């Protein structure tokens, strides 16, 4: 059972890193980038879900 928790944590970490890279590379203002990054860091799962639904998109698209 502990292995599944560890794998879930690693997946969440990878998704949070992807979200933060996407936030930093977006065209949003610096203040918005800081707030979104803090949200993802302070509330990893909830912050990621909120970012996925309403956050800034990267400029690479």
PDB file of N, CA and C in Angstrom:
ATOM      1  N   UNK A   1       0.820  -1.197   0.000  1.00  0.00           N
ATOM      2  CA  UNK A   1       0.000   0.000   0.000  1.00  0.00           C
ATOM      3  C   UNK A   1       0.860   1.254   0.000  1.00  0.00           C
ATOM      4  N   UNK A   2       1.985   1.220   0.717  1.00  0.00           N
ATOM      5  CA  UNK A   2       2.854   2.394   0.778  1.00  0.00           C
ATOM      6  C   UNK A   2       3.453   2.731  -0.585  1.00  0.00           C
ATOM      7  N   UNK A   3       3.662   1.723  -1.425  1.00  0.00           N
ATOM      8  CA  UNK A   3       4.208   1.978  -2.751  1.00  0.00           C
ATOM      9  C   UNK A   3       3.267   2.828  -3.590  1.00  0.00           C
ATOM     10  N   UNK A   4       1.964   2.606  -3.459  1.00  0.00           N
ATOM     11  CA  UNK A   4       0.990   3.379  -4.230  1.00  0.00           C
ATOM     12  C   UNK A   4       0.965   4.836  -3.782  1.00  0.00           C
ATOM     13  N   UNK A   5       1.121   5.064  -2.499  1.00  0.00           N
ATOM     14  CA  UNK A   5       1.170   6.430  -1.978  1.00  0.00           C
ATOM     15  C   UNK A   5       2.416   7.132  -2.498  1.00  0.00           C
ATOM     16  N   UNK A   6       3.539   6.450  -2.511  1.00  0.00           N
ATOM     17  CA  UNK A   6       4.786   7.018  -3.017  1.00  0.00           C
ATOM     18  C   UNK A   6       4.711   7.340  -4.497  1.00  0.00           C
ATOM     19  N   UNK A   7       4.124   6.440  -5.273  1.00  0.00           N
ATOM     20  CA  UNK A   7       3.974   6.665  -6.707  1.00  0.00           C
ATOM     21  C   UNK A   7       3.022   7.832  -6.952  1.00  0.00           C
ATOM     22  N   UNK A   8       1.950   7.906  -6.183  1.00  0.00           N
ATOM     23  CA  UNK A   8       1.011   9.021  -6.321  1.00  0.00           C
ATOM     24  C   UNK A   8       1.674  10.344  -5.997  1.00  0.00           C
ATOM     25  N   UNK A   9       2.524  10.359  -4.983  1.00  0.00           N
ATOM     26  CA  UNK A   9       3.257  11.568  -4.628  1.00  0.00           C
ATOM     27  C   UNK A   9       4.221  11.994  -5.720  1.00  0.00           C
ATOM     28  N   UNK A  10       4.889  11.030  -6.331  1.00  0.00           N
ATOM     29  CA  UNK A  10       5.804  11.351  -7.432  1.00  0.00           C
ATOM     30  C   UNK A  10       5.054  11.887  -8.648  1.00  0.00           C
ATOM     31  N   UNK A  11       3.905  11.310  -8.929  1.00  0.00           N
ATOM     32  CA  UNK A  11       3.091  11.797 -10.048  1.00  0.00           C
ATOM     33  C   UNK A  11       2.622  13.219  -9.773  1.00  0.00           C
ATOM     34  N   UNK A  12       2.166  13.479  -8.556  1.00  0.00           N
ATOM     35  CA  UNK A  12       1.734  14.830  -8.196  1.00  0.00           C
ATOM     36  C   UNK A  12       2.895  15.814  -8.271  1.00  0.00           C
ATOM     37  N   UNK A  13       4.069  15.412  -7.842  1.00  0.00           N
ATOM     38  CA  UNK A  13       5.252  16.269  -7.932  1.00  0.00           C
ATOM     39  C   UNK A  13       5.564  16.597  -9.390  1.00  0.00           C
ATOM     40  N   UNK A  14       5.527  15.600 -10.255  1.00  0.00           N
ATOM     41  CA  UNK A  14       5.800  15.828 -11.675  1.00  0.00           C
ATOM     42  C   UNK A  14       4.760  16.773 -12.283  1.00  0.00           C
ATOM     43  N   UNK A  15       3.491  16.598 -11.937  1.00  0.00           N
ATOM     44  CA  UNK A  15       2.442  17.474 -12.459  1.00  0.00           C
ATOM     45  C   UNK A  15       2.599  18.894 -11.939  1.00  0.00           C
ATOM     46  N   UNK A  16       2.985  19.048 -10.681  1.00  0.00           N
ATOM     47  CA  UNK A  16       3.203  20.384 -10.123  1.00  0.00           C
ATOM     48  C   UNK A  16       4.387  21.073 -10.798  1.00  0.00           C
ATOM     49  N   UNK A  17       5.457  20.333 -11.058  1.00  0.00           N
ATOM     50  CA  UNK A  17       6.604  20.916 -11.756  1.00  0.00           C
ATOM     51  C   UNK A  17       6.205  21.348 -13.160  1.00  0.00           C
ATOM     52  N   UNK A  18       5.417  20.521 -13.839  1.00  0.00           N
ATOM     53  CA  UNK A  18       4.934  20.871 -15.173  1.00  0.00           C
ATOM     54  C   UNK A  18       4.073  22.137 -15.123  1.00  0.00           C
ATOM     55  N   UNK A  19       3.220  22.248 -14.120  1.00  0.00           N
ATOM     56  CA  UNK A  19       2.373  23.426 -13.966  1.00  0.00           C
ATOM     57  C   UNK A  19       3.220  24.672 -13.720  1.00  0.00           C
ATOM     58  N   UNK A  20       4.225  24.569 -12.865  1.00  0.00           N
ATOM     59  CA  UNK A  20       5.066  25.727 -12.558  1.00  0.00           C
ATOM     60  C   UNK A  20       5.864  26.158 -13.781  1.00  0.00           C
ATOM     61  N   UNK A  21       6.398  25.222 -14.536  1.00  0.00           N
ATOM     62  CA  UNK A  21       7.123  25.572 -15.770  1.00  0.00           C
ATOM     63  C   UNK A  21       6.177  26.255 -16.754  1.00  0.00           C
ATOM     64  N   UNK A  22       4.970  25.755 -16.860  1.00  0.00           N
ATOM     65  CA  UNK A  22       3.986  26.360 -17.750  1.00  0.00           C
ATOM     66  C   UNK A  22       3.592  27.758 -17.285  1.00  0.00           C
ATOM     67  N   UNK A  23       3.453  27.942 -15.990  1.00  0.00           N
ATOM     68  CA  UNK A  23       3.118  29.261 -15.437  1.00  0.00           C
ATOM     69  C   UNK A  23       4.236  30.251 -15.742  1.00  0.00           C
ATOM     70  N   UNK A  24       5.473  29.848 -15.508  1.00  0.00           N
ATOM     71  CA  UNK A  24       6.607  30.743 -15.724  1.00  0.00           C
ATOM     72  C   UNK A  24       6.754  31.107 -17.195  1.00  0.00           C
ATOM     73  N   UNK A  25       6.445  30.192 -18.082  1.00  0.00           N
ATOM     74  CA  UNK A  25       6.609  30.472 -19.512  1.00  0.00           C
ATOM     75  C   UNK A  25       5.371  31.128 -20.128  1.00  0.00           C
ATOM     76  N   UNK A  26       4.362  31.428 -19.333  1.00  0.00           N
ATOM     77  CA  UNK A  26       3.163  32.080 -19.861  1.00  0.00           C
ATOM     78  C   UNK A  26       3.417  33.567 -20.065  1.00  0.00           C
ATOM     79  N   UNK A  27       2.498  34.225 -20.723  1.00  0.00           N
ATOM     80  CA  UNK A  27       2.613  35.656 -20.998  1.00  0.00           C
ATOM     81  C   UNK A  27       1.942  36.506 -19.922  1.00  0.00           C
ATOM     82  N   UNK A  28       1.574  35.921 -18.823  1.00  0.00           N
ATOM     83  CA  UNK A  28       0.924  36.648 -17.731  1.00  0.00           C
ATOM     84  C   UNK A  28       1.903  37.612 -17.074  1.00  0.00           C
ATOM     85  N   UNK A  29       1.351  38.528 -16.282  1.00  0.00           N
ATOM     86  CA  UNK A  29       2.194  39.483 -15.558  1.00  0.00           C
ATOM     87  C   UNK A  29       2.992  38.754 -14.480  1.00  0.00           C
ATOM     88  N   UNK A  30       4.030  39.406 -14.016  1.00  0.00           N
ATOM     89  CA  UNK A  30       4.883  38.808 -12.987  1.00  0.00           C
ATOM     90  C   UNK A  30       4.099  38.522 -11.710  1.00  0.00           C
ATOM     91  N   UNK A  31       3.221  39.438 -11.329  1.00  0.00           N
ATOM     92  CA  UNK A  31       2.417  39.227 -10.123  1.00  0.00           C
ATOM     93  C   UNK A  31       1.519  38.011 -10.241  1.00  0.00           C
ATOM     94  N   UNK A  32       0.893  37.841 -11.395  1.00  0.00           N
ATOM     95  CA  UNK A  32       0.033  36.674 -11.609  1.00  0.00           C
ATOM     96  C   UNK A  32       0.842  35.384 -11.577  1.00  0.00           C
ATOM     97  N   UNK A  33       2.035  35.419 -12.157  1.00  0.00           N
ATOM     98  CA  UNK A  33       2.889  34.231 -12.139  1.00  0.00           C
ATOM     99  C   UNK A  33       3.258  33.850 -10.709  1.00  0.00           C
ATOM    100  N   UNK A  34       3.591  34.856  -9.898  1.00  0.00           N
ATOM    101  CA  UNK A  34       3.963  34.591  -8.504  1.00  0.00           C
ATOM    102  C   UNK A  34       2.782  34.006  -7.740  1.00  0.00           C
ATOM    103  N   UNK A  35       1.601  34.582  -7.917  1.00  0.00           N
ATOM    104  CA  UNK A  35       0.420  34.080  -7.203  1.00  0.00           C
ATOM    105  C   UNK A  35       0.069  32.663  -7.621  1.00  0.00           C
ATOM    106  N   UNK A  36       0.091  32.370  -8.910  1.00  0.00           N
ATOM    107  CA  UNK A  36      -0.216  31.020  -9.376  1.00  0.00           C
ATOM    108  C   UNK A  36       0.819  30.020  -8.869  1.00  0.00           C
ATOM    109  N   UNK A  37       2.086  30.412  -8.903  1.00  0.00           N
ATOM    110  CA  UNK A  37       3.140  29.519  -8.426  1.00  0.00           C
ATOM    111  C   UNK A  37       2.979  29.236  -6.933  1.00  0.00           C
ATOM    112  N   UNK A  38       2.690  30.265  -6.161  1.00  0.00           N
ATOM    113  CA  UNK A  38       2.469  30.066  -4.725  1.00  0.00           C
ATOM    114  C   UNK A  38       1.271  29.155  -4.466  1.00  0.00           C
ATOM    115  N   UNK A  39       0.209  29.323  -5.248  1.00  0.00           N
ATOM    116  CA  UNK A  39      -0.968  28.468  -5.077  1.00  0.00           C
ATOM    117  C   UNK A  39      -0.617  27.004  -5.323  1.00  0.00           C
ATOM    118  N   UNK A  40       0.137  26.749  -6.369  1.00  0.00           N
ATOM    119  CA  UNK A  40       0.509  25.363  -6.694  1.00  0.00           C
ATOM    120  C   UNK A  40       1.466  24.803  -5.640  1.00  0.00           C
ATOM    121  N   UNK A  41       2.348  25.637  -5.099  1.00  0.00           N
ATOM    122  CA  UNK A  41       3.299  25.155  -4.099  1.00  0.00           C
ATOM    123  C   UNK A  41       2.652  24.929  -2.732  1.00  0.00           C
ATOM    124  N   UNK A  42       1.749  25.826  -2.332  1.00  0.00           N
ATOM    125  CA  UNK A  42       1.143  25.733  -1.004  1.00  0.00           C
ATOM    126  C   UNK A  42       0.061  24.653  -0.962  1.00  0.00           C
ATOM    127  N   UNK A  43      -0.735  24.559  -2.010  1.00  0.00           N
ATOM    128  CA  UNK A  43      -1.794  23.543  -2.096  1.00  0.00           C
ATOM    129  C   UNK A  43      -1.546  22.678  -3.329  1.00  0.00           C
ATOM    130  N   UNK A  44      -0.675  21.691  -3.239  1.00  0.00           N
ATOM    131  CA  UNK A  44      -0.249  20.968  -4.439  1.00  0.00           C
ATOM    132  C   UNK A  44      -1.385  20.364  -5.263  1.00  0.00           C
ATOM    133  N   UNK A  45      -2.264  19.613  -4.668  1.00  0.00           N
ATOM    134  CA  UNK A  45      -3.316  18.960  -5.452  1.00  0.00           C
ATOM    135  C   UNK A  45      -4.403  19.942  -5.852  1.00  0.00           C
ATOM    136  N   UNK A  46      -4.925  20.676  -4.900  1.00  0.00           N
ATOM    137  CA  UNK A  46      -5.999  21.634  -5.175  1.00  0.00           C
ATOM    138  C   UNK A  46      -5.487  22.751  -6.087  1.00  0.00           C
ATOM    139  N   UNK A  47      -4.278  23.252  -5.809  1.00  0.00           N
ATOM    140  CA  UNK A  47      -3.700  24.301  -6.636  1.00  0.00           C
ATOM    141  C   UNK A  47      -3.497  23.847  -8.066  1.00  0.00           C
ATOM    142  N   UNK A  48      -3.054  22.602  -8.252  1.00  0.00           N
ATOM    143  CA  UNK A  48      -2.875  22.073  -9.611  1.00  0.00           C
ATOM    144  C   UNK A  48      -4.207  21.990 -10.337  1.00  0.00           C
ATOM    145  N   UNK A  49      -5.234  21.521  -9.673  1.00  0.00           N
ATOM    146  CA  UNK A  49      -6.552  21.401 -10.306  1.00  0.00           C
ATOM    147  C   UNK A  49      -7.102  22.766 -10.678  1.00  0.00           C
ATOM    148  N   UNK A  50      -6.965  23.738  -9.764  1.00  0.00           N
ATOM    149  CA  UNK A  50      -7.440  25.092 -10.069  1.00  0.00           C
ATOM    150  C   UNK A  50      -6.651  25.676 -11.235  1.00  0.00           C
ATOM    151  N   UNK A  51      -5.335  25.485 -11.237  1.00  0.00           N
ATOM    152  CA  UNK A  51      -4.513  25.979 -12.341  1.00  0.00           C
ATOM    153  C   UNK A  51      -4.922  25.313 -13.654  1.00  0.00           C
ATOM    154  N   UNK A  52      -5.181  24.026 -13.608  1.00  0.00           N
ATOM    155  CA  UNK A  52      -5.556  23.295 -14.817  1.00  0.00           C
ATOM    156  C   UNK A  52      -6.853  23.837 -15.410  1.00  0.00           C
ATOM    157  N   UNK A  53      -7.778  24.232 -14.552  1.00  0.00           N
ATOM    158  CA  UNK A  53      -9.069  24.739 -15.023  1.00  0.00           C
ATOM    159  C   UNK A  53      -9.034  26.217 -15.392  1.00  0.00           C
ATOM    160  N   UNK A  54      -8.274  27.033 -14.658  1.00  0.00           N
ATOM    161  CA  UNK A  54      -8.385  28.480 -14.847  1.00  0.00           C
ATOM    162  C   UNK A  54      -7.059  29.207 -14.987  1.00  0.00           C
ATOM    163  N   UNK A  55      -5.960  28.521 -14.946  1.00  0.00           N
ATOM    164  CA  UNK A  55      -4.668  29.195 -14.923  1.00  0.00           C
ATOM    165  C   UNK A  55      -4.186  29.655 -16.277  1.00  0.00           C
ATOM    166  N   UNK A  56      -3.110  30.428 -16.273  1.00  0.00           N
ATOM    167  CA  UNK A  56      -2.536  30.921 -17.523  1.00  0.00           C
ATOM    168  C   UNK A  56      -1.883  29.779 -18.308  1.00  0.00           C
ATOM    169  N   UNK A  57      -1.927  29.889 -19.595  1.00  0.00           N
ATOM    170  CA  UNK A  57      -1.330  28.873 -20.464  1.00  0.00           C
ATOM    171  C   UNK A  57       0.043  29.339 -20.926  1.00  0.00           C
ATOM    172  N   UNK A  58       0.895  28.384 -21.252  1.00  0.00           N
ATOM    173  CA  UNK A  58       2.223  28.756 -21.702  1.00  0.00           C
ATOM    174  C   UNK A  58       2.167  29.391 -23.082  1.00  0.00           C
ATOM    175  N   UNK A  59       3.192  30.119 -23.423  1.00  0.00           N
ATOM    176  CA  UNK A  59       3.233  30.807 -24.713  1.00  0.00           C
ATOM    177  C   UNK A  59       3.766  29.932 -25.825  1.00  0.00           C
ATOM    178  N   UNK A  60       4.066  28.680 -25.530  1.00  0.00           N
ATOM    179  CA  UNK A  60       4.611  27.758 -26.533  1.00  0.00           C
ATOM    180  C   UNK A  60       3.562  27.160 -27.437  1.00  0.00           C
ATOM    181  N   UNK A  61       2.301  27.378 -27.175  1.00  0.00           N
ATOM    182  CA  UNK A  61       1.244  26.716 -27.945  1.00  0.00           C
ATOM    183  C   UNK A  61       1.026  27.260 -29.301  1.00  0.00           C
TER     184      UNK A  61
END
